[in-house]
Amino acid sequence: RKAFEEYEIEFQDYHDWPGIKPKAM
């Protein structure tokens, strides 16, 4: 579960535009 949550955080923190905080899905 810990390994899965690390990938989940990486997915939610992906930046579509540099300098702008991404919107979580």
PDBML (XML) file of the C-alpha atoms, coordinates in Angstrom:
<?xml version="1.0" encoding="UTF-8" ?>
<PDBx:datablock datablockName="MODEL"
   xmlns:PDBx="http://pdbml.pdb.org/schema/pdbx-v50.xsd"
   xmlns:xsi="http://www.w3.org/2001/XMLSchema-instance"
   xsi:schemaLocation="http://pdbml.pdb.org/schema/pdbx-v50.xsd pdbx-v50.xsd">
   <PDBx:atom_siteCategory>
      <PDBx:atom_site id="1">
         <PDBx:B_iso_or_equiv>0.00</PDBx:B_iso_or_equiv>
         <PDBx:Cartn_x>0.000</PDBx:Cartn_x>
         <PDBx:Cartn_y>0.000</PDBx:Cartn_y>
         <PDBx:Cartn_z>0.000</PDBx:Cartn_z>
         <PDBx:auth_asym_id>A</PDBx:auth_asym_id>
         <PDBx:auth_atom_id>CA</PDBx:auth_atom_id>
         <PDBx:auth_comp_id>ARG</PDBx:auth_comp_id>
         <PDBx:auth_seq_id>1</PDBx:auth_seq_id>
         <PDBx:group_PDB>ATOM</PDBx:group_PDB>
         <PDBx:label_alt_id xsi:nil="true" />
         <PDBx:label_asym_id>A</PDBx:label_asym_id>
         <PDBx:label_atom_id>CA</PDBx:label_atom_id>
         <PDBx:label_comp_id>ARG</PDBx:label_comp_id>
         <PDBx:label_entity_id>1</PDBx:label_entity_id>
         <PDBx:label_seq_id>1</PDBx:label_seq_id>
         <PDBx:occupancy>1.00</PDBx:occupancy>
         <PDBx:pdbx_PDB_model_num>1</PDBx:pdbx_PDB_model_num>
         <PDBx:type_symbol>C</PDBx:type_symbol>
      </PDBx:atom_site>
      <PDBx:atom_site id="2">
         <PDBx:B_iso_or_equiv>0.00</PDBx:B_iso_or_equiv>
         <PDBx:Cartn_x>2.842</PDBx:Cartn_x>
         <PDBx:Cartn_y>2.379</PDBx:Cartn_y>
         <PDBx:Cartn_z>0.791</PDBx:Cartn_z>
         <PDBx:auth_asym_id>A</PDBx:auth_asym_id>
         <PDBx:auth_atom_id>CA</PDBx:auth_atom_id>
         <PDBx:auth_comp_id>LYS</PDBx:auth_comp_id>
         <PDBx:auth_seq_id>2</PDBx:auth_seq_id>
         <PDBx:group_PDB>ATOM</PDBx:group_PDB>
         <PDBx:label_alt_id xsi:nil="true" />
         <PDBx:label_asym_id>A</PDBx:label_asym_id>
         <PDBx:label_atom_id>CA</PDBx:label_atom_id>
         <PDBx:label_comp_id>LYS</PDBx:label_comp_id>
         <PDBx:label_entity_id>1</PDBx:label_entity_id>
         <PDBx:label_seq_id>2</PDBx:label_seq_id>
         <PDBx:occupancy>1.00</PDBx:occupancy>
         <PDBx:pdbx_PDB_model_num>1</PDBx:pdbx_PDB_model_num>
         <PDBx:type_symbol>C</PDBx:type_symbol>
      </PDBx:atom_site>
      <PDBx:atom_site id="3">
         <PDBx:B_iso_or_equiv>0.00</PDBx:B_iso_or_equiv>
         <PDBx:Cartn_x>4.433</PDBx:Cartn_x>
         <PDBx:Cartn_y>1.765</PDBx:Cartn_y>
         <PDBx:Cartn_z>-2.613</PDBx:Cartn_z>
         <PDBx:auth_asym_id>A</PDBx:auth_asym_id>
         <PDBx:auth_atom_id>CA</PDBx:auth_atom_id>
         <PDBx:auth_comp_id>ALA</PDBx:auth_comp_id>
         <PDBx:auth_seq_id>3</PDBx:auth_seq_id>
         <PDBx:group_PDB>ATOM</PDBx:group_PDB>
         <PDBx:label_alt_id xsi:nil="true" />
         <PDBx:label_asym_id>A</PDBx:label_asym_id>
         <PDBx:label_atom_id>CA</PDBx:label_atom_id>
         <PDBx:label_comp_id>ALA</PDBx:label_comp_id>
         <PDBx:label_entity_id>1</PDBx:label_entity_id>
         <PDBx:label_seq_id>3</PDBx:label_seq_id>
         <PDBx:occupancy>1.00</PDBx:occupancy>
         <PDBx:pdbx_PDB_model_num>1</PDBx:pdbx_PDB_model_num>
         <PDBx:type_symbol>C</PDBx:type_symbol>
      </PDBx:atom_site>
      <PDBx:atom_site id="4">
         <PDBx:B_iso_or_equiv>0.00</PDBx:B_iso_or_equiv>
         <PDBx:Cartn_x>1.083</PDBx:Cartn_x>
         <PDBx:Cartn_y>2.334</PDBx:Cartn_y>
         <PDBx:Cartn_z>-4.334</PDBx:Cartn_z>
         <PDBx:auth_asym_id>A</PDBx:auth_asym_id>
         <PDBx:auth_atom_id>CA</PDBx:auth_atom_id>
         <PDBx:auth_comp_id>PHE</PDBx:auth_comp_id>
         <PDBx:auth_seq_id>4</PDBx:auth_seq_id>
         <PDBx:group_PDB>ATOM</PDBx:group_PDB>
         <PDBx:label_alt_id xsi:nil="true" />
         <PDBx:label_asym_id>A</PDBx:label_asym_id>
         <PDBx:label_atom_id>CA</PDBx:label_atom_id>
         <PDBx:label_comp_id>PHE</PDBx:label_comp_id>
         <PDBx:label_entity_id>1</PDBx:label_entity_id>
         <PDBx:label_seq_id>4</PDBx:label_seq_id>
         <PDBx:occupancy>1.00</PDBx:occupancy>
         <PDBx:pdbx_PDB_model_num>1</PDBx:pdbx_PDB_model_num>
         <PDBx:type_symbol>C</PDBx:type_symbol>
      </PDBx:atom_site>
      <PDBx:atom_site id="5">
         <PDBx:B_iso_or_equiv>0.00</PDBx:B_iso_or_equiv>
         <PDBx:Cartn_x>0.460</PDBx:Cartn_x>
         <PDBx:Cartn_y>5.600</PDBx:Cartn_y>
         <PDBx:Cartn_z>-2.479</PDBx:Cartn_z>
         <PDBx:auth_asym_id>A</PDBx:auth_asym_id>
         <PDBx:auth_atom_id>CA</PDBx:auth_atom_id>
         <PDBx:auth_comp_id>GLU</PDBx:auth_comp_id>
         <PDBx:auth_seq_id>5</PDBx:auth_seq_id>
         <PDBx:group_PDB>ATOM</PDBx:group_PDB>
         <PDBx:label_alt_id xsi:nil="true" />
         <PDBx:label_asym_id>A</PDBx:label_asym_id>
         <PDBx:label_atom_id>CA</PDBx:label_atom_id>
         <PDBx:label_comp_id>GLU</PDBx:label_comp_id>
         <PDBx:label_entity_id>1</PDBx:label_entity_id>
         <PDBx:label_seq_id>5</PDBx:label_seq_id>
         <PDBx:occupancy>1.00</PDBx:occupancy>
         <PDBx:pdbx_PDB_model_num>1</PDBx:pdbx_PDB_model_num>
         <PDBx:type_symbol>C</PDBx:type_symbol>
      </PDBx:atom_site>
      <PDBx:atom_site id="6">
         <PDBx:B_iso_or_equiv>0.00</PDBx:B_iso_or_equiv>
         <PDBx:Cartn_x>3.860</PDBx:Cartn_x>
         <PDBx:Cartn_y>6.919</PDBx:Cartn_y>
         <PDBx:Cartn_z>-3.585</PDBx:Cartn_z>
         <PDBx:auth_asym_id>A</PDBx:auth_asym_id>
         <PDBx:auth_atom_id>CA</PDBx:auth_atom_id>
         <PDBx:auth_comp_id>GLU</PDBx:auth_comp_id>
         <PDBx:auth_seq_id>6</PDBx:auth_seq_id>
         <PDBx:group_PDB>ATOM</PDBx:group_PDB>
         <PDBx:label_alt_id xsi:nil="true" />
         <PDBx:label_asym_id>A</PDBx:label_asym_id>
         <PDBx:label_atom_id>CA</PDBx:label_atom_id>
         <PDBx:label_comp_id>GLU</PDBx:label_comp_id>
         <PDBx:label_entity_id>1</PDBx:label_entity_id>
         <PDBx:label_seq_id>6</PDBx:label_seq_id>
         <PDBx:occupancy>1.00</PDBx:occupancy>
         <PDBx:pdbx_PDB_model_num>1</PDBx:pdbx_PDB_model_num>
         <PDBx:type_symbol>C</PDBx:type_symbol>
      </PDBx:atom_site>
      <PDBx:atom_site id="7">
         <PDBx:B_iso_or_equiv>0.00</PDBx:B_iso_or_equiv>
         <PDBx:Cartn_x>2.855</PDBx:Cartn_x>
         <PDBx:Cartn_y>6.455</PDBx:Cartn_y>
         <PDBx:Cartn_z>-7.230</PDBx:Cartn_z>
         <PDBx:auth_asym_id>A</PDBx:auth_asym_id>
         <PDBx:auth_atom_id>CA</PDBx:auth_atom_id>
         <PDBx:auth_comp_id>TYR</PDBx:auth_comp_id>
         <PDBx:auth_seq_id>7</PDBx:auth_seq_id>
         <PDBx:group_PDB>ATOM</PDBx:group_PDB>
         <PDBx:label_alt_id xsi:nil="true" />
         <PDBx:label_asym_id>A</PDBx:label_asym_id>
         <PDBx:label_atom_id>CA</PDBx:label_atom_id>
         <PDBx:label_comp_id>TYR</PDBx:label_comp_id>
         <PDBx:label_entity_id>1</PDBx:label_entity_id>
         <PDBx:label_seq_id>7</PDBx:label_seq_id>
         <PDBx:occupancy>1.00</PDBx:occupancy>
         <PDBx:pdbx_PDB_model_num>1</PDBx:pdbx_PDB_model_num>
         <PDBx:type_symbol>C</PDBx:type_symbol>
      </PDBx:atom_site>
      <PDBx:atom_site id="8">
         <PDBx:B_iso_or_equiv>0.00</PDBx:B_iso_or_equiv>
         <PDBx:Cartn_x>-0.530</PDBx:Cartn_x>
         <PDBx:Cartn_y>8.010</PDBx:Cartn_y>
         <PDBx:Cartn_z>-6.476</PDBx:Cartn_z>
         <PDBx:auth_asym_id>A</PDBx:auth_asym_id>
         <PDBx:auth_atom_id>CA</PDBx:auth_atom_id>
         <PDBx:auth_comp_id>GLU</PDBx:auth_comp_id>
         <PDBx:auth_seq_id>8</PDBx:auth_seq_id>
         <PDBx:group_PDB>ATOM</PDBx:group_PDB>
         <PDBx:label_alt_id xsi:nil="true" />
         <PDBx:label_asym_id>A</PDBx:label_asym_id>
         <PDBx:label_atom_id>CA</PDBx:label_atom_id>
         <PDBx:label_comp_id>GLU</PDBx:label_comp_id>
         <PDBx:label_entity_id>1</PDBx:label_entity_id>
         <PDBx:label_seq_id>8</PDBx:label_seq_id>
         <PDBx:occupancy>1.00</PDBx:occupancy>
         <PDBx:pdbx_PDB_model_num>1</PDBx:pdbx_PDB_model_num>
         <PDBx:type_symbol>C</PDBx:type_symbol>
      </PDBx:atom_site>
      <PDBx:atom_site id="9">
         <PDBx:B_iso_or_equiv>0.00</PDBx:B_iso_or_equiv>
         <PDBx:Cartn_x>1.112</PDBx:Cartn_x>
         <PDBx:Cartn_y>11.147</PDBx:Cartn_y>
         <PDBx:Cartn_z>-5.014</PDBx:Cartn_z>
         <PDBx:auth_asym_id>A</PDBx:auth_asym_id>
         <PDBx:auth_atom_id>CA</PDBx:auth_atom_id>
         <PDBx:auth_comp_id>ILE</PDBx:auth_comp_id>
         <PDBx:auth_seq_id>9</PDBx:auth_seq_id>
         <PDBx:group_PDB>ATOM</PDBx:group_PDB>
         <PDBx:label_alt_id xsi:nil="true" />
         <PDBx:label_asym_id>A</PDBx:label_asym_id>
         <PDBx:label_atom_id>CA</PDBx:label_atom_id>
         <PDBx:label_comp_id>ILE</PDBx:label_comp_id>
         <PDBx:label_entity_id>1</PDBx:label_entity_id>
         <PDBx:label_seq_id>9</PDBx:label_seq_id>
         <PDBx:occupancy>1.00</PDBx:occupancy>
         <PDBx:pdbx_PDB_model_num>1</PDBx:pdbx_PDB_model_num>
         <PDBx:type_symbol>C</PDBx:type_symbol>
      </PDBx:atom_site>
      <PDBx:atom_site id="10">
         <PDBx:B_iso_or_equiv>0.00</PDBx:B_iso_or_equiv>
         <PDBx:Cartn_x>3.435</PDBx:Cartn_x>
         <PDBx:Cartn_y>11.381</PDBx:Cartn_y>
         <PDBx:Cartn_z>-8.020</PDBx:Cartn_z>
         <PDBx:auth_asym_id>A</PDBx:auth_asym_id>
         <PDBx:auth_atom_id>CA</PDBx:auth_atom_id>
         <PDBx:auth_comp_id>GLU</PDBx:auth_comp_id>
         <PDBx:auth_seq_id>10</PDBx:auth_seq_id>
         <PDBx:group_PDB>ATOM</PDBx:group_PDB>
         <PDBx:label_alt_id xsi:nil="true" />
         <PDBx:label_asym_id>A</PDBx:label_asym_id>
         <PDBx:label_atom_id>CA</PDBx:label_atom_id>
         <PDBx:label_comp_id>GLU</PDBx:label_comp_id>
         <PDBx:label_entity_id>1</PDBx:label_entity_id>
         <PDBx:label_seq_id>10</PDBx:label_seq_id>
         <PDBx:occupancy>1.00</PDBx:occupancy>
         <PDBx:pdbx_PDB_model_num>1</PDBx:pdbx_PDB_model_num>
         <PDBx:type_symbol>C</PDBx:type_symbol>
      </PDBx:atom_site>
      <PDBx:atom_site id="11">
         <PDBx:B_iso_or_equiv>0.00</PDBx:B_iso_or_equiv>
         <PDBx:Cartn_x>0.395</PDBx:Cartn_x>
         <PDBx:Cartn_y>11.244</PDBx:Cartn_y>
         <PDBx:Cartn_z>-10.308</PDBx:Cartn_z>
         <PDBx:auth_asym_id>A</PDBx:auth_asym_id>
         <PDBx:auth_atom_id>CA</PDBx:auth_atom_id>
         <PDBx:auth_comp_id>PHE</PDBx:auth_comp_id>
         <PDBx:auth_seq_id>11</PDBx:auth_seq_id>
         <PDBx:group_PDB>ATOM</PDBx:group_PDB>
         <PDBx:label_alt_id xsi:nil="true" />
         <PDBx:label_asym_id>A</PDBx:label_asym_id>
         <PDBx:label_atom_id>CA</PDBx:label_atom_id>
         <PDBx:label_comp_id>PHE</PDBx:label_comp_id>
         <PDBx:label_entity_id>1</PDBx:label_entity_id>
         <PDBx:label_seq_id>11</PDBx:label_seq_id>
         <PDBx:occupancy>1.00</PDBx:occupancy>
         <PDBx:pdbx_PDB_model_num>1</PDBx:pdbx_PDB_model_num>
         <PDBx:type_symbol>C</PDBx:type_symbol>
      </PDBx:atom_site>
      <PDBx:atom_site id="12">
         <PDBx:B_iso_or_equiv>0.00</PDBx:B_iso_or_equiv>
         <PDBx:Cartn_x>-1.494</PDBx:Cartn_x>
         <PDBx:Cartn_y>13.974</PDBx:Cartn_y>
         <PDBx:Cartn_z>-8.437</PDBx:Cartn_z>
         <PDBx:auth_asym_id>A</PDBx:auth_asym_id>
         <PDBx:auth_atom_id>CA</PDBx:auth_atom_id>
         <PDBx:auth_comp_id>GLN</PDBx:auth_comp_id>
         <PDBx:auth_seq_id>12</PDBx:auth_seq_id>
         <PDBx:group_PDB>ATOM</PDBx:group_PDB>
         <PDBx:label_alt_id xsi:nil="true" />
         <PDBx:label_asym_id>A</PDBx:label_asym_id>
         <PDBx:label_atom_id>CA</PDBx:label_atom_id>
         <PDBx:label_comp_id>GLN</PDBx:label_comp_id>
         <PDBx:label_entity_id>1</PDBx:label_entity_id>
         <PDBx:label_seq_id>12</PDBx:label_seq_id>
         <PDBx:occupancy>1.00</PDBx:occupancy>
         <PDBx:pdbx_PDB_model_num>1</PDBx:pdbx_PDB_model_num>
         <PDBx:type_symbol>C</PDBx:type_symbol>
      </PDBx:atom_site>
      <PDBx:atom_site id="13">
         <PDBx:B_iso_or_equiv>0.00</PDBx:B_iso_or_equiv>
         <PDBx:Cartn_x>1.588</PDBx:Cartn_x>
         <PDBx:Cartn_y>16.251</PDBx:Cartn_y>
         <PDBx:Cartn_z>-8.260</PDBx:Cartn_z>
         <PDBx:auth_asym_id>A</PDBx:auth_asym_id>
         <PDBx:auth_atom_id>CA</PDBx:auth_atom_id>
         <PDBx:auth_comp_id>ASP</PDBx:auth_comp_id>
         <PDBx:auth_seq_id>13</PDBx:auth_seq_id>
         <PDBx:group_PDB>ATOM</PDBx:group_PDB>
         <PDBx:label_alt_id xsi:nil="true" />
         <PDBx:label_asym_id>A</PDBx:label_asym_id>
         <PDBx:label_atom_id>CA</PDBx:label_atom_id>
         <PDBx:label_comp_id>ASP</PDBx:label_comp_id>
         <PDBx:label_entity_id>1</PDBx:label_entity_id>
         <PDBx:label_seq_id>13</PDBx:label_seq_id>
         <PDBx:occupancy>1.00</PDBx:occupancy>
         <PDBx:pdbx_PDB_model_num>1</PDBx:pdbx_PDB_model_num>
         <PDBx:type_symbol>C</PDBx:type_symbol>
      </PDBx:atom_site>
      <PDBx:atom_site id="14">
         <PDBx:B_iso_or_equiv>0.00</PDBx:B_iso_or_equiv>
         <PDBx:Cartn_x>2.291</PDBx:Cartn_x>
         <PDBx:Cartn_y>16.191</PDBx:Cartn_y>
         <PDBx:Cartn_z>-11.978</PDBx:Cartn_z>
         <PDBx:auth_asym_id>A</PDBx:auth_asym_id>
         <PDBx:auth_atom_id>CA</PDBx:auth_atom_id>
         <PDBx:auth_comp_id>TYR</PDBx:auth_comp_id>
         <PDBx:auth_seq_id>14</PDBx:auth_seq_id>
         <PDBx:group_PDB>ATOM</PDBx:group_PDB>
         <PDBx:label_alt_id xsi:nil="true" />
         <PDBx:label_asym_id>A</PDBx:label_asym_id>
         <PDBx:label_atom_id>CA</PDBx:label_atom_id>
         <PDBx:label_comp_id>TYR</PDBx:label_comp_id>
         <PDBx:label_entity_id>1</PDBx:label_entity_id>
         <PDBx:label_seq_id>14</PDBx:label_seq_id>
         <PDBx:occupancy>1.00</PDBx:occupancy>
         <PDBx:pdbx_PDB_model_num>1</PDBx:pdbx_PDB_model_num>
         <PDBx:type_symbol>C</PDBx:type_symbol>
      </PDBx:atom_site>
      <PDBx:atom_site id="15">
         <PDBx:B_iso_or_equiv>0.00</PDBx:B_iso_or_equiv>
         <PDBx:Cartn_x>2.646</PDBx:Cartn_x>
         <PDBx:Cartn_y>19.795</PDBx:Cartn_y>
         <PDBx:Cartn_z>-13.276</PDBx:Cartn_z>
         <PDBx:auth_asym_id>A</PDBx:auth_asym_id>
         <PDBx:auth_atom_id>CA</PDBx:auth_atom_id>
         <PDBx:auth_comp_id>HIS</PDBx:auth_comp_id>
         <PDBx:auth_seq_id>15</PDBx:auth_seq_id>
         <PDBx:group_PDB>ATOM</PDBx:group_PDB>
         <PDBx:label_alt_id xsi:nil="true" />
         <PDBx:label_asym_id>A</PDBx:label_asym_id>
         <PDBx:label_atom_id>CA</PDBx:label_atom_id>
         <PDBx:label_comp_id>HIS</PDBx:label_comp_id>
         <PDBx:label_entity_id>1</PDBx:label_entity_id>
         <PDBx:label_seq_id>15</PDBx:label_seq_id>
         <PDBx:occupancy>1.00</PDBx:occupancy>
         <PDBx:pdbx_PDB_model_num>1</PDBx:pdbx_PDB_model_num>
         <PDBx:type_symbol>C</PDBx:type_symbol>
      </PDBx:atom_site>
      <PDBx:atom_site id="16">
         <PDBx:B_iso_or_equiv>0.00</PDBx:B_iso_or_equiv>
         <PDBx:Cartn_x>0.781</PDBx:Cartn_x>
         <PDBx:Cartn_y>20.557</PDBx:Cartn_y>
         <PDBx:Cartn_z>-16.489</PDBx:Cartn_z>
         <PDBx:auth_asym_id>A</PDBx:auth_asym_id>
         <PDBx:auth_atom_id>CA</PDBx:auth_atom_id>
         <PDBx:auth_comp_id>ASP</PDBx:auth_comp_id>
         <PDBx:auth_seq_id>16</PDBx:auth_seq_id>
         <PDBx:group_PDB>ATOM</PDBx:group_PDB>
         <PDBx:label_alt_id xsi:nil="true" />
         <PDBx:label_asym_id>A</PDBx:label_asym_id>
         <PDBx:label_atom_id>CA</PDBx:label_atom_id>
         <PDBx:label_comp_id>ASP</PDBx:label_comp_id>
         <PDBx:label_entity_id>1</PDBx:label_entity_id>
         <PDBx:label_seq_id>16</PDBx:label_seq_id>
         <PDBx:occupancy>1.00</PDBx:occupancy>
         <PDBx:pdbx_PDB_model_num>1</PDBx:pdbx_PDB_model_num>
         <PDBx:type_symbol>C</PDBx:type_symbol>
      </PDBx:atom_site>
      <PDBx:atom_site id="17">
         <PDBx:B_iso_or_equiv>0.00</PDBx:B_iso_or_equiv>
         <PDBx:Cartn_x>2.252</PDBx:Cartn_x>
         <PDBx:Cartn_y>24.047</PDBx:Cartn_y>
         <PDBx:Cartn_z>-16.533</PDBx:Cartn_z>
         <PDBx:auth_asym_id>A</PDBx:auth_asym_id>
         <PDBx:auth_atom_id>CA</PDBx:auth_atom_id>
         <PDBx:auth_comp_id>TRP</PDBx:auth_comp_id>
         <PDBx:auth_seq_id>17</PDBx:auth_seq_id>
         <PDBx:group_PDB>ATOM</PDBx:group_PDB>
         <PDBx:label_alt_id xsi:nil="true" />
         <PDBx:label_asym_id>A</PDBx:label_asym_id>
         <PDBx:label_atom_id>CA</PDBx:label_atom_id>
         <PDBx:label_comp_id>TRP</PDBx:label_comp_id>
         <PDBx:label_entity_id>1</PDBx:label_entity_id>
         <PDBx:label_seq_id>17</PDBx:label_seq_id>
         <PDBx:occupancy>1.00</PDBx:occupancy>
         <PDBx:pdbx_PDB_model_num>1</PDBx:pdbx_PDB_model_num>
         <PDBx:type_symbol>C</PDBx:type_symbol>
      </PDBx:atom_site>
      <PDBx:atom_site id="18">
         <PDBx:B_iso_or_equiv>0.00</PDBx:B_iso_or_equiv>
         <PDBx:Cartn_x>5.522</PDBx:Cartn_x>
         <PDBx:Cartn_y>25.030</PDBx:Cartn_y>
         <PDBx:Cartn_z>-14.792</PDBx:Cartn_z>
         <PDBx:auth_asym_id>A</PDBx:auth_asym_id>
         <PDBx:auth_atom_id>CA</PDBx:auth_atom_id>
         <PDBx:auth_comp_id>PRO</PDBx:auth_comp_id>
         <PDBx:auth_seq_id>18</PDBx:auth_seq_id>
         <PDBx:group_PDB>ATOM</PDBx:group_PDB>
         <PDBx:label_alt_id xsi:nil="true" />
         <PDBx:label_asym_id>A</PDBx:label_asym_id>
         <PDBx:label_atom_id>CA</PDBx:label_atom_id>
         <PDBx:label_comp_id>PRO</PDBx:label_comp_id>
         <PDBx:label_entity_id>1</PDBx:label_entity_id>
         <PDBx:label_seq_id>18</PDBx:label_seq_id>
         <PDBx:occupancy>1.00</PDBx:occupancy>
         <PDBx:pdbx_PDB_model_num>1</PDBx:pdbx_PDB_model_num>
         <PDBx:type_symbol>C</PDBx:type_symbol>
      </PDBx:atom_site>
      <PDBx:atom_site id="19">
         <PDBx:B_iso_or_equiv>0.00</PDBx:B_iso_or_equiv>
         <PDBx:Cartn_x>5.023</PDBx:Cartn_x>
         <PDBx:Cartn_y>27.212</PDBx:Cartn_y>
         <PDBx:Cartn_z>-11.727</PDBx:Cartn_z>
         <PDBx:auth_asym_id>A</PDBx:auth_asym_id>
         <PDBx:auth_atom_id>CA</PDBx:auth_atom_id>
         <PDBx:auth_comp_id>GLY</PDBx:auth_comp_id>
         <PDBx:auth_seq_id>19</PDBx:auth_seq_id>
         <PDBx:group_PDB>ATOM</PDBx:group_PDB>
         <PDBx:label_alt_id xsi:nil="true" />
         <PDBx:label_asym_id>A</PDBx:label_asym_id>
         <PDBx:label_atom_id>CA</PDBx:label_atom_id>
         <PDBx:label_comp_id>GLY</PDBx:label_comp_id>
         <PDBx:label_entity_id>1</PDBx:label_entity_id>
         <PDBx:label_seq_id>19</PDBx:label_seq_id>
         <PDBx:occupancy>1.00</PDBx:occupancy>
         <PDBx:pdbx_PDB_model_num>1</PDBx:pdbx_PDB_model_num>
         <PDBx:type_symbol>C</PDBx:type_symbol>
      </PDBx:atom_site>
      <PDBx:atom_site id="20">
         <PDBx:B_iso_or_equiv>0.00</PDBx:B_iso_or_equiv>
         <PDBx:Cartn_x>1.284</PDBx:Cartn_x>
         <PDBx:Cartn_y>26.512</PDBx:Cartn_y>
         <PDBx:Cartn_z>-11.381</PDBx:Cartn_z>
         <PDBx:auth_asym_id>A</PDBx:auth_asym_id>
         <PDBx:auth_atom_id>CA</PDBx:auth_atom_id>
         <PDBx:auth_comp_id>ILE</PDBx:auth_comp_id>
         <PDBx:auth_seq_id>20</PDBx:auth_seq_id>
         <PDBx:group_PDB>ATOM</PDBx:group_PDB>
         <PDBx:label_alt_id xsi:nil="true" />
         <PDBx:label_asym_id>A</PDBx:label_asym_id>
         <PDBx:label_atom_id>CA</PDBx:label_atom_id>
         <PDBx:label_comp_id>ILE</PDBx:label_comp_id>
         <PDBx:label_entity_id>1</PDBx:label_entity_id>
         <PDBx:label_seq_id>20</PDBx:label_seq_id>
         <PDBx:occupancy>1.00</PDBx:occupancy>
         <PDBx:pdbx_PDB_model_num>1</PDBx:pdbx_PDB_model_num>
         <PDBx:type_symbol>C</PDBx:type_symbol>
      </PDBx:atom_site>
      <PDBx:atom_site id="21">
         <PDBx:B_iso_or_equiv>0.00</PDBx:B_iso_or_equiv>
         <PDBx:Cartn_x>0.101</PDBx:Cartn_x>
         <PDBx:Cartn_y>24.108</PDBx:Cartn_y>
         <PDBx:Cartn_z>-8.715</PDBx:Cartn_z>
         <PDBx:auth_asym_id>A</PDBx:auth_asym_id>
         <PDBx:auth_atom_id>CA</PDBx:auth_atom_id>
         <PDBx:auth_comp_id>LYS</PDBx:auth_comp_id>
         <PDBx:auth_seq_id>21</PDBx:auth_seq_id>
         <PDBx:group_PDB>ATOM</PDBx:group_PDB>
         <PDBx:label_alt_id xsi:nil="true" />
         <PDBx:label_asym_id>A</PDBx:label_asym_id>
         <PDBx:label_atom_id>CA</PDBx:label_atom_id>
         <PDBx:label_comp_id>LYS</PDBx:label_comp_id>
         <PDBx:label_entity_id>1</PDBx:label_entity_id>
         <PDBx:label_seq_id>21</PDBx:label_seq_id>
         <PDBx:occupancy>1.00</PDBx:occupancy>
         <PDBx:pdbx_PDB_model_num>1</PDBx:pdbx_PDB_model_num>
         <PDBx:type_symbol>C</PDBx:type_symbol>
      </PDBx:atom_site>
      <PDBx:atom_site id="22">
         <PDBx:B_iso_or_equiv>0.00</PDBx:B_iso_or_equiv>
         <PDBx:Cartn_x>-1.694</PDBx:Cartn_x>
         <PDBx:Cartn_y>21.195</PDBx:Cartn_y>
         <PDBx:Cartn_z>-10.370</PDBx:Cartn_z>
         <PDBx:auth_asym_id>A</PDBx:auth_asym_id>
         <PDBx:auth_atom_id>CA</PDBx:auth_atom_id>
         <PDBx:auth_comp_id>PRO</PDBx:auth_comp_id>
         <PDBx:auth_seq_id>22</PDBx:auth_seq_id>
         <PDBx:group_PDB>ATOM</PDBx:group_PDB>
         <PDBx:label_alt_id xsi:nil="true" />
         <PDBx:label_asym_id>A</PDBx:label_asym_id>
         <PDBx:label_atom_id>CA</PDBx:label_atom_id>
         <PDBx:label_comp_id>PRO</PDBx:label_comp_id>
         <PDBx:label_entity_id>1</PDBx:label_entity_id>
         <PDBx:label_seq_id>22</PDBx:label_seq_id>
         <PDBx:occupancy>1.00</PDBx:occupancy>
         <PDBx:pdbx_PDB_model_num>1</PDBx:pdbx_PDB_model_num>
         <PDBx:type_symbol>C</PDBx:type_symbol>
      </PDBx:atom_site>
      <PDBx:atom_site id="23">
         <PDBx:B_iso_or_equiv>0.00</PDBx:B_iso_or_equiv>
         <PDBx:Cartn_x>-5.343</PDBx:Cartn_x>
         <PDBx:Cartn_y>20.534</PDBx:Cartn_y>
         <PDBx:Cartn_z>-9.674</PDBx:Cartn_z>
         <PDBx:auth_asym_id>A</PDBx:auth_asym_id>
         <PDBx:auth_atom_id>CA</PDBx:auth_atom_id>
         <PDBx:auth_comp_id>LYS</PDBx:auth_comp_id>
         <PDBx:auth_seq_id>23</PDBx:auth_seq_id>
         <PDBx:group_PDB>ATOM</PDBx:group_PDB>
         <PDBx:label_alt_id xsi:nil="true" />
         <PDBx:label_asym_id>A</PDBx:label_asym_id>
         <PDBx:label_atom_id>CA</PDBx:label_atom_id>
         <PDBx:label_comp_id>LYS</PDBx:label_comp_id>
         <PDBx:label_entity_id>1</PDBx:label_entity_id>
         <PDBx:label_seq_id>23</PDBx:label_seq_id>
         <PDBx:occupancy>1.00</PDBx:occupancy>
         <PDBx:pdbx_PDB_model_num>1</PDBx:pdbx_PDB_model_num>
         <PDBx:type_symbol>C</PDBx:type_symbol>
      </PDBx:atom_site>
      <PDBx:atom_site id="24">
         <PDBx:B_iso_or_equiv>0.00</PDBx:B_iso_or_equiv>
         <PDBx:Cartn_x>-5.858</PDBx:Cartn_x>
         <PDBx:Cartn_y>17.177</PDBx:Cartn_y>
         <PDBx:Cartn_z>-8.042</PDBx:Cartn_z>
         <PDBx:auth_asym_id>A</PDBx:auth_asym_id>
         <PDBx:auth_atom_id>CA</PDBx:auth_atom_id>
         <PDBx:auth_comp_id>ALA</PDBx:auth_comp_id>
         <PDBx:auth_seq_id>24</PDBx:auth_seq_id>
         <PDBx:group_PDB>ATOM</PDBx:group_PDB>
         <PDBx:label_alt_id xsi:nil="true" />
         <PDBx:label_asym_id>A</PDBx:label_asym_id>
         <PDBx:label_atom_id>CA</PDBx:label_atom_id>
         <PDBx:label_comp_id>ALA</PDBx:label_comp_id>
         <PDBx:label_entity_id>1</PDBx:label_entity_id>
         <PDBx:label_seq_id>24</PDBx:label_seq_id>
         <PDBx:occupancy>1.00</PDBx:occupancy>
         <PDBx:pdbx_PDB_model_num>1</PDBx:pdbx_PDB_model_num>
         <PDBx:type_symbol>C</PDBx:type_symbol>
      </PDBx:atom_site>
      <PDBx:atom_site id="25">
         <PDBx:B_iso_or_equiv>0.00</PDBx:B_iso_or_equiv>
         <PDBx:Cartn_x>-8.156</PDBx:Cartn_x>
         <PDBx:Cartn_y>14.731</PDBx:Cartn_y>
         <PDBx:Cartn_z>-9.801</PDBx:Cartn_z>
         <PDBx:auth_asym_id>A</PDBx:auth_asym_id>
         <PDBx:auth_atom_id>CA</PDBx:auth_atom_id>
         <PDBx:auth_comp_id>MET</PDBx:auth_comp_id>
         <PDBx:auth_seq_id>25</PDBx:auth_seq_id>
         <PDBx:group_PDB>ATOM</PDBx:group_PDB>
         <PDBx:label_alt_id xsi:nil="true" />
         <PDBx:label_asym_id>A</PDBx:label_asym_id>
         <PDBx:label_atom_id>CA</PDBx:label_atom_id>
         <PDBx:label_comp_id>MET</PDBx:label_comp_id>
         <PDBx:label_entity_id>1</PDBx:label_entity_id>
         <PDBx:label_seq_id>25</PDBx:label_seq_id>
         <PDBx:occupancy>1.00</PDBx:occupancy>
         <PDBx:pdbx_PDB_model_num>1</PDBx:pdbx_PDB_model_num>
         <PDBx:type_symbol>C</PDBx:type_symbol>
      </PDBx:atom_site>
   </PDBx:atom_siteCategory>
</PDBx:datablock>
